[in-house]
Amino acid sequence: MEGGDIFIQDFINDLQESPESQIQKCFRGSCILITGGTGFIGKVLIEKLLRSCRDLNTIYLVVRPLNGRNPNERVKEMFINPFFDRMKIENPTYRSQVQVVRGDCFQPNIGADEAVLNRIASKINAVIHLAAATTTDNHPYCMLHKAIYTNVRATRDLIVLTKRFQNLKAFVYVSSVFANTSILDVYEQFYNSPIPTSTIIQMAETLPDYILNRMTSGLVSEWPDVVTFTKALSEQIIQSAGPELPACVIRPGFVLGTANEPIAGWTNDFNNLIGCALGSGLGLVRVFHGPSCVNAEIVPVDMLVNLLLVACWDLIGNRMDVVNEEVPKDTENILIYNYASSNYKPCSWNQLGKKFFKNEKNVSSQNFFWTPFYYVTNSIFVYWMMTFYLHTLPAKVVDLFIWLIGKEPRLNEFYKRVHAAAEHLSSYQQMHVRYHNHNVINLMNKLSPRDKMLFDFDMSTLSWDAYFDKYLKGLRVYLMGNPLHMPGTNNNTLNRLITIHYNFIISILCVMIVMYIIFFYC
């Protein structure tokens, strides 16, 4: 398999054939319903199931039509991706194990056909609920209506539907460690929401968008965005389902590309964090604002998927017999897993930026605009001053030139989106929170040596330097669509940009010195 110039042999850590694991045995013959399967985490989950648990019976994917393509066309197109090549080699009959269920989590009752649900109801053994609205919009408060329907109402409706599943043994919901931002010590337990979920759903169903938009900033004031707000509400729905629902909640941090499998460095997810990283690699984004010491709770997606499957295994047939003394007794029936890198391999936002910048040469391509330059400041005054000189001013000059030659100016608008994304990330950089992970540790201790190798989610084994080296190569190949060139291909261009960059910096310093002399001595 080849992705650009990344070859499978460069990244795949082949496992020796050995006796079957307990987790593989657990999923043998199982039928699993998955929402959000065509998303970033969903693709990795499906690939892992079909490759490592290939004796399962059926994966039912709830998929909506999108951009003129029906659900079956979307799934067929998904499997064309080189990401699935290793799985196809190890499980050539995979397609017979995947069934598409037309549905849409934005619609009531997840938009699924009643006849289809009745036909598969007795077959479902596990439900993995990944579908969610994400912060793809620049403004974190501009999508509340969609987030309530997709993240909250869909969770409620899906739980109601599971009452038909007579053989259901596990319901796994993926939330976020940032769902309880007002708590300084976040334990693996439920926290009260300031507003009942039934009320917020009723508001979304009855109020016009313009009224709901006016209310958003007040409703979401304690959260960084509507996604984390609605994730917190969804957790309340899981809790209210009670002991009748065999459920667990996974709370990951920022989910980034794969660490190990099936290809190290693979990603197809574009969010505000990745956008800023790519912009920096292309020489467009040079200044960041925020405290440098706060942990950036980053999580490799393949390790998250491994944790998800192990938690599902534990629900199906091996519920924990280890008591978590940190959790109130009345909530022990639903297990929560806080999965944050600070508990294993801490990486502060400043360290994250340095690791990105250290490997930016792997992202840079023939498309880069300026030599990569990286600066973080905790001073809002310094931040806005530097963004004016290094972002806004060059953008206006370039846009003026583009306008003069008769083309549409775009750079200034790009920087407006970048600054909105950076402001959104800044709210996460202010979080001095400790995440307790007693349940995650207990779960890890239950695994056999074989399962620890097959379903590894121990982030303490990671080297962040090695991870980001492969991840940034993956960003270039899989997200930007640029092949990796041999070293030195762009040296002449890069050297010219470095010269221009430092001449520009020197000119700014000279102007500031002249202005200082004129102001104080003339």
Protein backbone atom coordinates (compact mmCIF):
# COMPACT_ATOMS: atom_id res chain seq x y z
CA MET A 1 0.00 0.00 0.00
CA GLU A 2 1.20 3.48 -0.80
CA GLY A 3 -0.05 6.85 0.39
CA GLY A 4 1.88 9.47 -1.54
CA ASP A 5 5.46 8.38 -0.81
CA ILE A 6 4.57 6.74 2.53
CA PHE A 7 4.80 2.97 2.19
CA ILE A 8 3.11 0.45 4.43
CA GLN A 9 6.39 -1.18 5.37
CA ASP A 10 7.58 2.10 6.83
CA PHE A 11 4.83 2.25 9.42
CA ILE A 12 3.11 -1.10 10.02
CA ASN A 13 4.20 -2.97 13.11
CA ASP A 14 3.39 -6.51 12.01
CA LEU A 15 2.26 -8.86 14.76
CA GLN A 16 3.41 -12.45 14.91
CA GLU A 17 0.65 -15.05 14.68
CA SER A 18 -0.16 -16.24 18.17
CA PRO A 19 -3.07 -17.74 20.12
CA GLU A 20 -6.40 -15.95 20.03
CA SER A 21 -6.98 -13.21 22.57
CA GLN A 22 -9.87 -12.98 25.00
CA ILE A 23 -11.13 -9.85 23.25
CA GLN A 24 -11.10 -11.52 19.84
CA LYS A 25 -13.00 -14.45 21.33
CA CYS A 26 -15.54 -12.08 22.88
CA PHE A 27 -16.38 -10.44 19.53
CA ARG A 28 -16.60 -13.72 17.62
CA GLY A 29 -20.04 -13.98 16.02
CA SER A 30 -21.12 -10.58 17.39
CA CYS A 31 -23.26 -7.99 15.61
CA ILE A 32 -22.31 -4.36 16.30
CA LEU A 33 -24.30 -1.23 15.45
CA ILE A 34 -22.09 1.83 14.90
CA THR A 35 -23.11 5.45 14.44
CA GLY A 36 -20.56 7.90 13.06
CA GLY A 37 -18.71 5.10 11.28
CA THR A 38 -17.71 7.26 8.32
CA GLY A 39 -16.07 9.83 10.59
CA PHE A 40 -12.45 10.00 11.70
CA ILE A 41 -12.71 7.75 14.77
CA GLY A 42 -15.29 5.58 13.02
CA LYS A 43 -12.98 4.67 10.14
CA VAL A 44 -10.24 3.59 12.55
CA LEU A 45 -12.74 1.59 14.62
CA ILE A 46 -14.14 -0.25 11.58
CA GLU A 47 -10.68 -1.03 10.24
CA LYS A 48 -9.58 -2.38 13.63
CA LEU A 49 -12.68 -4.56 14.04
CA LEU A 50 -12.46 -6.03 10.55
CA ARG A 51 -8.72 -6.70 10.88
CA SER A 52 -8.26 -7.77 14.50
CA CYS A 53 -11.73 -9.22 15.19
CA ARG A 54 -12.45 -10.64 11.76
CA ASP A 55 -14.57 -13.50 13.14
CA LEU A 56 -17.32 -11.07 14.11
CA ASN A 57 -20.64 -11.54 12.36
CA THR A 58 -21.82 -8.12 11.12
CA ILE A 59 -21.10 -4.44 11.54
CA TYR A 60 -24.23 -2.35 10.96
CA LEU A 61 -23.24 1.18 9.94
CA VAL A 62 -25.79 3.97 10.35
CA VAL A 63 -24.94 6.31 7.46
CA ARG A 64 -26.75 9.36 6.04
CA PRO A 65 -26.84 10.55 2.42
CA LEU A 66 -24.36 13.36 1.82
CA ASN A 67 -23.47 15.60 -1.13
CA GLY A 68 -25.60 13.65 -3.58
CA ARG A 69 -24.22 10.25 -2.57
CA ASN A 70 -26.40 7.62 -0.96
CA PRO A 71 -25.18 5.71 2.15
CA ASN A 72 -24.01 2.65 0.20
CA GLU A 73 -21.98 4.80 -2.18
CA ARG A 74 -20.35 6.60 0.75
CA VAL A 75 -19.33 3.34 2.43
CA LYS A 76 -18.03 1.90 -0.85
CA GLU A 77 -15.99 5.06 -1.40
CA MET A 78 -14.70 4.91 2.20
CA PHE A 79 -13.17 1.48 1.69
CA ILE A 80 -11.24 2.68 -1.37
CA ASN A 81 -8.99 4.69 0.94
CA PRO A 82 -5.44 3.21 1.22
CA PHE A 83 -5.95 3.25 4.98
CA PHE A 84 -7.92 -0.01 4.64
CA ASP A 85 -5.37 -1.86 2.46
CA ARG A 86 -3.80 -3.82 5.31
CA MET A 87 -7.22 -4.91 6.52
CA LYS A 88 -8.20 -6.07 3.02
CA ILE A 89 -5.10 -8.28 2.87
CA GLU A 90 -5.77 -9.86 6.26
CA ASN A 91 -9.56 -10.12 5.80
CA PRO A 92 -10.42 -10.39 2.09
CA THR A 93 -14.10 -11.19 2.79
CA TYR A 94 -14.59 -8.06 4.89
CA ARG A 95 -17.33 -6.57 2.70
CA SER A 96 -19.79 -9.34 3.55
CA GLN A 97 -19.46 -8.33 7.21
CA VAL A 98 -20.55 -4.72 6.69
CA GLN A 99 -24.22 -3.80 6.28
CA VAL A 100 -25.38 -0.22 5.73
CA VAL A 101 -28.39 1.14 7.61
CA ARG A 102 -29.72 4.38 6.15
CA GLY A 103 -30.12 6.91 8.94
CA ASP A 104 -29.28 10.42 10.11
CA CYS A 105 -28.59 11.38 13.72
CA PHE A 106 -29.86 14.88 12.98
CA GLN A 107 -33.33 13.42 12.47
CA PRO A 108 -35.72 12.04 15.14
CA ASN A 109 -35.12 8.37 15.99
CA ILE A 110 -31.75 8.68 14.18
CA GLY A 111 -33.66 8.75 10.88
CA ALA A 112 -33.65 4.95 10.58
CA ASP A 113 -36.36 2.93 8.84
CA GLU A 114 -38.66 1.08 11.26
CA ALA A 115 -38.72 -2.07 9.15
CA VAL A 116 -34.91 -2.24 9.07
CA LEU A 117 -34.65 -1.71 12.82
CA ASN A 118 -37.18 -4.44 13.50
CA ARG A 119 -35.29 -6.82 11.21
CA ILE A 120 -31.93 -6.37 12.96
CA ALA A 121 -33.20 -5.76 16.52
CA SER A 122 -32.68 -9.34 17.73
CA LYS A 123 -29.17 -9.51 16.22
CA ILE A 124 -27.50 -6.49 17.85
CA ASN A 125 -25.08 -7.35 20.68
CA ALA A 126 -23.31 -4.00 21.03
CA VAL A 127 -23.92 -0.34 20.11
CA ILE A 128 -21.01 2.07 19.68
CA HIS A 129 -22.28 5.64 19.46
CA LEU A 130 -19.70 7.91 17.79
CA ALA A 131 -21.89 10.26 15.73
CA ALA A 132 -21.55 13.87 16.83
CA ALA A 133 -21.60 17.43 15.56
CA THR A 134 -18.10 18.88 15.71
CA THR A 135 -16.55 22.34 15.80
CA THR A 136 -16.00 22.60 12.06
CA ASP A 137 -17.45 26.11 12.08
CA ASN A 138 -15.13 28.94 12.96
CA HIS A 139 -17.36 30.34 15.67
CA PRO A 140 -17.89 27.89 18.54
CA TYR A 141 -21.42 29.19 19.21
CA CYS A 142 -22.90 29.12 15.70
CA MET A 143 -24.18 25.54 15.61
CA LEU A 144 -26.18 24.95 18.79
CA HIS A 145 -29.32 23.78 16.98
CA LYS A 146 -27.41 21.13 15.05
CA ALA A 147 -25.36 20.08 18.09
CA ILE A 148 -28.46 19.56 20.27
CA TYR A 149 -30.16 17.42 17.63
CA THR A 150 -27.08 15.38 16.72
CA ASN A 151 -25.36 15.06 20.08
CA VAL A 152 -28.22 15.12 22.60
CA ARG A 153 -31.51 14.13 21.00
CA ALA A 154 -29.89 11.37 18.93
CA THR A 155 -28.36 9.88 22.08
CA ARG A 156 -31.76 9.91 23.79
CA ASP A 157 -33.50 8.36 20.78
CA LEU A 158 -30.82 5.73 20.29
CA ILE A 159 -31.15 4.60 23.91
CA VAL A 160 -34.91 4.29 23.42
CA LEU A 161 -34.29 2.19 20.32
CA THR A 162 -31.93 -0.13 22.19
CA LYS A 163 -34.87 -1.35 24.28
CA ARG A 164 -35.83 -3.35 21.19
CA PHE A 165 -32.43 -5.05 21.10
CA GLN A 166 -33.14 -8.16 23.15
CA ASN A 167 -29.53 -9.38 23.02
CA LEU A 168 -27.82 -6.06 23.71
CA LYS A 169 -24.82 -6.51 26.00
CA ALA A 170 -22.95 -3.21 25.62
CA PHE A 171 -23.63 0.44 24.81
CA VAL A 172 -20.47 2.52 24.41
CA TYR A 173 -20.70 6.31 24.18
CA VAL A 174 -17.76 8.57 23.27
CA SER A 175 -17.89 11.88 25.16
CA SER A 176 -15.00 14.28 25.94
CA VAL A 177 -12.72 15.03 28.89
CA PHE A 178 -13.64 18.67 28.32
CA ALA A 179 -17.34 18.07 29.05
CA ASN A 180 -16.92 19.26 32.66
CA THR A 181 -14.67 22.28 32.35
CA SER A 182 -15.81 23.97 35.56
CA ILE A 183 -14.49 21.04 37.65
CA LEU A 184 -10.82 21.25 38.68
CA ASP A 185 -10.57 17.56 39.59
CA VAL A 186 -12.53 15.48 37.11
CA TYR A 187 -13.21 11.97 38.40
CA GLU A 188 -14.67 9.09 36.43
CA GLN A 189 -18.22 9.90 37.48
CA PHE A 190 -21.22 11.85 36.26
CA TYR A 191 -21.63 15.54 37.06
CA ASN A 192 -24.86 17.50 37.23
CA SER A 193 -25.89 19.62 34.28
CA PRO A 194 -27.27 23.13 34.95
CA ILE A 195 -30.18 22.53 32.57
CA PRO A 196 -32.32 19.39 32.08
CA THR A 197 -31.75 17.61 28.79
CA SER A 198 -35.48 17.47 28.08
CA THR A 199 -35.64 21.25 28.34
CA ILE A 200 -32.75 21.88 25.96
CA ILE A 201 -34.18 19.42 23.39
CA GLN A 202 -37.60 21.09 23.62
CA MET A 203 -35.99 24.50 23.13
CA ALA A 204 -34.21 23.31 19.99
CA GLU A 205 -37.41 21.79 18.60
CA THR A 206 -39.63 24.81 19.25
CA LEU A 207 -37.53 27.99 19.17
CA PRO A 208 -36.50 29.67 15.89
CA ASP A 209 -32.80 29.64 15.11
CA TYR A 210 -32.37 33.38 15.60
CA ILE A 211 -33.70 33.19 19.17
CA LEU A 212 -31.64 30.10 19.99
CA ASN A 213 -28.53 31.78 18.62
CA ARG A 214 -29.08 34.77 20.93
CA MET A 215 -29.32 32.43 23.91
CA THR A 216 -26.25 30.38 23.00
CA SER A 217 -23.53 32.42 24.69
CA GLY A 218 -25.45 32.35 27.98
CA LEU A 219 -26.21 28.64 27.82
CA VAL A 220 -22.67 27.65 26.87
CA SER A 221 -20.78 30.18 29.00
CA GLU A 222 -19.16 27.51 31.20
CA TRP A 223 -17.93 25.46 28.22
CA PRO A 224 -15.43 26.28 25.45
CA ASP A 225 -17.96 25.46 22.69
CA VAL A 226 -21.34 23.89 21.97
CA VAL A 227 -19.81 20.45 21.36
CA THR A 228 -18.50 20.05 24.92
CA PHE A 229 -21.74 21.56 26.25
CA THR A 230 -23.89 19.02 24.40
CA LYS A 231 -21.53 16.18 25.32
CA ALA A 232 -22.14 17.01 28.98
CA LEU A 233 -25.90 16.88 28.35
CA SER A 234 -25.54 13.53 26.58
CA GLU A 235 -23.77 12.11 29.60
CA GLN A 236 -26.83 13.04 31.65
CA ILE A 237 -28.98 11.01 29.27
CA ILE A 238 -26.69 7.99 29.68
CA GLN A 239 -26.90 8.35 33.44
CA SER A 240 -30.69 8.65 33.43
CA ALA A 241 -30.97 5.41 31.45
CA GLY A 242 -30.17 3.63 34.70
CA PRO A 243 -28.80 0.13 35.36
CA GLU A 244 -31.03 -1.42 32.68
CA LEU A 245 -28.62 -0.10 30.04
CA PRO A 246 -25.23 -1.90 30.02
CA ALA A 247 -23.34 1.29 29.22
CA CYS A 248 -19.96 2.92 29.55
CA VAL A 249 -18.68 6.39 28.63
CA ILE A 250 -15.27 7.10 27.08
CA ARG A 251 -13.91 10.62 27.60
CA PRO A 252 -10.94 11.30 25.29
CA GLY A 253 -8.98 14.52 24.87
CA PHE A 254 -8.06 16.01 21.48
CA VAL A 255 -8.00 13.05 19.08
CA LEU A 256 -5.10 13.16 16.61
CA GLY A 257 -3.69 10.74 14.02
CA THR A 258 -2.66 7.13 14.48
CA ALA A 259 0.40 6.23 16.55
CA ASN A 260 0.95 2.69 15.28
CA GLU A 261 -1.77 0.97 13.31
CA PRO A 262 -2.59 0.23 10.66
CA ILE A 263 -0.30 3.04 9.44
CA ALA A 264 1.52 5.37 11.80
CA GLY A 265 0.66 9.01 11.15
CA TRP A 266 -2.61 8.50 9.26
CA THR A 267 -5.32 11.16 9.60
CA ASN A 268 -8.17 12.64 7.61
CA ASP A 269 -9.49 14.91 10.35
CA PHE A 270 -9.36 18.68 9.97
CA ASN A 271 -10.09 20.74 13.09
CA ASN A 272 -8.93 24.03 14.57
CA LEU A 273 -5.79 22.50 16.09
CA ILE A 274 -4.78 20.82 12.84
CA GLY A 275 -5.64 23.93 10.84
CA CYS A 276 -3.27 26.04 12.93
CA ALA A 277 -0.55 23.38 12.69
CA LEU A 278 -0.82 23.16 8.90
CA GLY A 279 -0.94 26.94 8.62
CA SER A 280 2.27 27.13 10.62
CA GLY A 281 3.91 24.48 8.43
CA LEU A 282 3.03 26.46 5.32
CA GLY A 283 4.46 29.62 6.86
CA LEU A 284 1.08 31.32 7.17
CA VAL A 285 0.46 31.11 10.93
CA ARG A 286 3.36 32.36 13.04
CA VAL A 287 2.01 33.64 16.35
CA PHE A 288 -0.02 31.84 19.02
CA HIS A 289 -1.51 33.02 22.29
CA GLY A 290 -1.95 31.09 25.51
CA PRO A 291 -0.19 29.84 28.67
CA SER A 292 2.58 27.40 27.86
CA CYS A 293 2.40 25.16 30.94
CA VAL A 294 -1.14 23.74 30.58
CA ASN A 295 -1.32 20.15 29.37
CA ALA A 296 -2.60 19.63 25.85
CA GLU A 297 -4.72 16.51 26.30
CA ILE A 298 -3.90 14.84 22.99
CA VAL A 299 -4.83 11.23 22.22
CA PRO A 300 -3.78 9.04 19.24
CA VAL A 301 -6.92 7.78 17.54
CA ASP A 302 -5.79 4.14 17.27
CA MET A 303 -5.13 3.96 21.01
CA LEU A 304 -8.53 5.49 21.71
CA VAL A 305 -10.17 2.84 19.52
CA ASN A 306 -8.29 0.11 21.40
CA LEU A 307 -9.58 1.48 24.71
CA LEU A 308 -13.09 1.63 23.28
CA LEU A 309 -13.01 -2.03 22.22
CA VAL A 310 -11.51 -3.20 25.51
CA ALA A 311 -14.20 -1.29 27.43
CA CYS A 312 -16.85 -2.91 25.23
CA TRP A 313 -15.33 -6.35 25.93
CA ASP A 314 -15.44 -5.63 29.65
CA LEU A 315 -19.14 -4.71 29.40
CA ILE A 316 -20.08 -7.78 27.37
CA GLY A 317 -18.67 -10.50 29.54
CA ASN A 318 -16.18 -9.40 32.10
CA ARG A 319 -17.48 -6.52 34.20
CA MET A 320 -14.88 -5.10 36.55
CA ASP A 321 -14.71 -6.64 39.98
CA VAL A 322 -12.34 -3.89 41.17
CA VAL A 323 -14.17 -1.14 43.06
CA ASN A 324 -13.37 2.45 42.18
CA GLU A 325 -13.47 4.16 45.57
CA GLU A 326 -13.35 7.60 43.89
CA VAL A 327 -16.87 7.16 42.44
CA PRO A 328 -20.15 7.41 44.37
CA LYS A 329 -21.78 4.01 44.91
CA ASP A 330 -25.00 4.94 43.12
CA THR A 331 -23.19 5.53 39.81
CA GLU A 332 -20.95 2.46 39.78
CA ASN A 333 -23.21 0.60 37.34
CA ILE A 334 -22.07 2.82 34.44
CA LEU A 335 -18.32 2.97 34.00
CA ILE A 336 -16.61 6.16 32.80
CA TYR A 337 -13.08 6.27 31.42
CA ASN A 338 -11.10 9.54 31.47
CA TYR A 339 -8.52 9.12 28.71
CA ALA A 340 -6.09 12.04 28.80
CA SER A 341 -2.40 12.11 27.91
CA SER A 342 -1.46 14.02 31.08
CA ASN A 343 -1.96 10.79 33.05
CA TYR A 344 0.55 8.91 30.91
CA LYS A 345 2.81 11.15 28.86
CA PRO A 346 2.22 14.83 29.68
CA CYS A 347 2.68 17.26 26.82
CA SER A 348 2.08 20.96 27.47
CA TRP A 349 0.77 23.31 24.81
CA ASN A 350 4.22 24.86 24.59
CA GLN A 351 5.84 21.44 24.11
CA LEU A 352 3.15 20.58 21.55
CA GLY A 353 3.96 23.71 19.57
CA LYS A 354 7.70 22.99 19.69
CA LYS A 355 7.18 19.42 18.52
CA PHE A 356 4.98 20.61 15.68
CA PHE A 357 7.53 23.26 14.73
CA LYS A 358 10.47 20.86 15.03
CA ASN A 359 8.91 18.65 12.38
CA GLU A 360 7.34 21.37 10.21
CA LYS A 361 9.86 20.61 7.44
CA ASN A 362 7.89 17.41 6.86
CA VAL A 363 4.74 19.45 6.20
CA SER A 364 6.29 22.19 4.10
CA SER A 365 5.78 21.75 0.38
CA GLN A 366 5.88 23.62 -2.89
CA ASN A 367 2.76 25.40 -1.61
CA PHE A 368 4.37 27.08 1.40
CA PHE A 369 3.93 30.82 1.58
CA TRP A 370 6.63 31.82 4.06
CA THR A 371 9.38 30.16 6.04
CA PRO A 372 7.91 28.44 9.12
CA PHE A 373 8.16 30.69 12.19
CA TYR A 374 6.68 29.90 15.59
CA TYR A 375 6.13 32.15 18.61
CA VAL A 376 3.89 31.70 21.67
CA THR A 377 3.09 34.50 24.09
CA ASN A 378 0.87 34.72 27.14
CA SER A 379 0.52 38.49 26.70
CA ILE A 380 -2.57 39.46 24.73
CA PHE A 381 -0.94 42.82 23.88
CA VAL A 382 2.18 41.18 22.40
CA TYR A 383 -0.01 38.64 20.61
CA TRP A 384 -2.15 41.24 18.84
CA MET A 385 0.87 43.42 18.04
CA MET A 386 2.76 40.50 16.45
CA THR A 387 -0.29 39.21 14.59
CA PHE A 388 -0.71 42.67 13.10
CA TYR A 389 2.87 42.75 11.80
CA LEU A 390 3.21 39.07 10.88
CA HIS A 391 -0.35 38.20 9.81
CA THR A 392 -2.61 41.17 9.09
CA LEU A 393 -0.13 43.56 7.45
CA PRO A 394 1.40 40.99 5.04
CA ALA A 395 -2.10 39.73 4.21
CA LYS A 396 -3.30 43.20 3.24
CA VAL A 397 -0.20 43.79 1.09
CA VAL A 398 -0.58 40.45 -0.68
CA ASP A 399 -4.33 40.90 -1.14
CA LEU A 400 -3.76 44.37 -2.61
CA PHE A 401 -1.31 42.93 -5.13
CA ILE A 402 -3.74 40.09 -5.98
CA TRP A 403 -6.56 42.63 -6.44
CA LEU A 404 -4.41 44.79 -8.71
CA ILE A 405 -3.76 41.86 -11.05
CA GLY A 406 -7.50 41.15 -11.25
CA LYS A 407 -7.86 38.14 -8.94
CA GLU A 408 -9.98 37.67 -5.82
CA PRO A 409 -8.15 38.55 -2.55
CA ARG A 410 -8.36 35.73 0.01
CA LEU A 411 -5.49 35.95 2.49
CA ASN A 412 -7.06 38.54 4.79
CA GLU A 413 -10.21 36.42 5.09
CA PHE A 414 -8.03 33.37 5.78
CA TYR A 415 -6.39 35.13 8.73
CA LYS A 416 -9.78 36.08 10.16
CA ARG A 417 -10.65 32.37 10.27
CA VAL A 418 -7.23 31.52 11.71
CA HIS A 419 -7.59 34.06 14.51
CA ALA A 420 -11.10 32.75 15.30
CA ALA A 421 -9.71 29.19 15.47
CA ALA A 422 -6.81 30.32 17.66
CA GLU A 423 -9.22 32.12 19.99
CA HIS A 424 -11.28 28.93 20.26
CA LEU A 425 -8.18 26.87 21.12
CA SER A 426 -7.16 29.49 23.67
CA SER A 427 -10.16 28.54 25.83
CA TYR A 428 -8.75 25.00 26.10
CA GLN A 429 -5.31 26.37 26.93
CA GLN A 430 -6.72 28.02 30.06
CA MET A 431 -7.88 24.71 31.61
CA HIS A 432 -5.83 23.76 34.66
CA VAL A 433 -7.68 20.49 35.24
CA ARG A 434 -6.62 17.14 36.69
CA TYR A 435 -8.24 14.06 35.16
CA HIS A 436 -8.41 10.95 37.34
CA ASN A 437 -8.21 7.63 35.47
CA HIS A 438 -8.72 4.88 38.05
CA ASN A 439 -11.05 2.89 35.76
CA VAL A 440 -8.65 3.08 32.82
CA ILE A 441 -5.83 1.69 34.95
CA ASN A 442 -8.05 -1.11 36.26
CA LEU A 443 -9.10 -1.98 32.73
CA MET A 444 -5.50 -2.09 31.55
CA ASN A 445 -4.57 -4.42 34.41
CA LYS A 446 -7.23 -6.92 33.32
CA LEU A 447 -5.65 -7.52 29.92
CA SER A 448 -3.59 -10.57 29.06
CA PRO A 449 -0.12 -10.02 27.52
CA ARG A 450 -1.60 -10.92 24.12
CA ASP A 451 -4.42 -8.40 24.44
CA LYS A 452 -2.05 -5.72 25.67
CA MET A 453 -0.15 -6.16 22.41
CA LEU A 454 -3.21 -6.34 20.15
CA PHE A 455 -5.27 -3.63 21.87
CA ASP A 456 -2.63 -1.31 23.30
CA PHE A 457 -3.91 1.94 24.80
CA ASP A 458 -1.03 2.67 27.18
CA MET A 459 0.14 6.14 26.14
CA SER A 460 3.12 5.94 28.54
CA THR A 461 4.88 3.86 25.87
CA LEU A 462 4.74 6.70 23.34
CA SER A 463 7.62 8.89 22.26
CA TRP A 464 6.02 12.21 21.32
CA ASP A 465 9.02 13.12 19.15
CA ALA A 466 8.66 9.95 17.08
CA TYR A 467 4.87 10.31 17.04
CA PHE A 468 4.88 13.87 15.67
CA ASP A 469 7.55 13.06 13.12
CA LYS A 470 5.24 10.46 11.55
CA TYR A 471 2.07 12.43 12.22
CA LEU A 472 3.22 15.54 10.40
CA LYS A 473 4.32 13.41 7.45
CA GLY A 474 0.81 11.95 7.52
CA LEU A 475 -0.72 15.43 7.56
CA ARG A 476 1.19 16.31 4.42
CA VAL A 477 0.37 13.11 2.53
CA TYR A 478 -3.16 12.25 3.68
CA LEU A 479 -4.63 15.66 4.47
CA MET A 480 -2.76 17.97 2.08
CA GLY A 481 -2.39 15.40 -0.70
CA ASN A 482 1.29 16.20 -1.28
CA PRO A 483 3.89 13.43 -1.79
CA LEU A 484 7.02 13.44 0.31
CA HIS A 485 9.95 14.73 -1.75
CA MET A 486 13.55 13.80 -1.28
CA PRO A 487 15.48 16.13 1.08
CA GLY A 488 16.72 19.24 -0.67
CA THR A 489 13.94 19.41 -3.28
CA ASN A 490 12.70 22.78 -2.02
CA ASN A 491 15.98 24.08 -0.55
CA ASN A 492 16.35 26.98 -2.98
CA THR A 493 12.79 28.21 -2.41
CA LEU A 494 13.10 27.73 1.34
CA ASN A 495 16.42 29.59 1.49
CA ARG A 496 14.91 32.53 -0.41
CA LEU A 497 11.97 32.64 1.98
CA ILE A 498 14.30 32.49 5.00
CA THR A 499 16.21 35.46 3.60
CA ILE A 500 12.99 37.41 3.00
CA HIS A 501 11.72 36.46 6.47
CA TYR A 502 14.75 37.77 8.37
CA ASN A 503 14.96 40.90 6.22
CA PHE A 504 11.32 41.54 7.07
CA ILE A 505 11.99 41.04 10.80
CA ILE A 506 15.03 43.36 10.66
CA SER A 507 12.99 46.01 8.84
CA ILE A 508 10.29 45.86 11.53
CA LEU A 509 12.93 46.26 14.27
CA CYS A 510 14.47 49.21 12.43
CA VAL A 511 11.07 50.89 12.07
CA MET A 512 10.36 50.39 15.77
CA ILE A 513 13.77 51.82 16.73
CA VAL A 514 13.26 54.85 14.48
CA MET A 515 9.77 55.43 15.91
CA TYR A 516 11.17 55.13 19.46
CA ILE A 517 13.92 57.69 18.73
CA ILE A 518 11.48 60.12 17.08
CA PHE A 519 8.97 59.82 19.89
CA PHE A 520 11.40 60.21 22.80
CA TYR A 521 14.21 62.37 21.43
CA CYS A 522 12.70 64.65 18.79
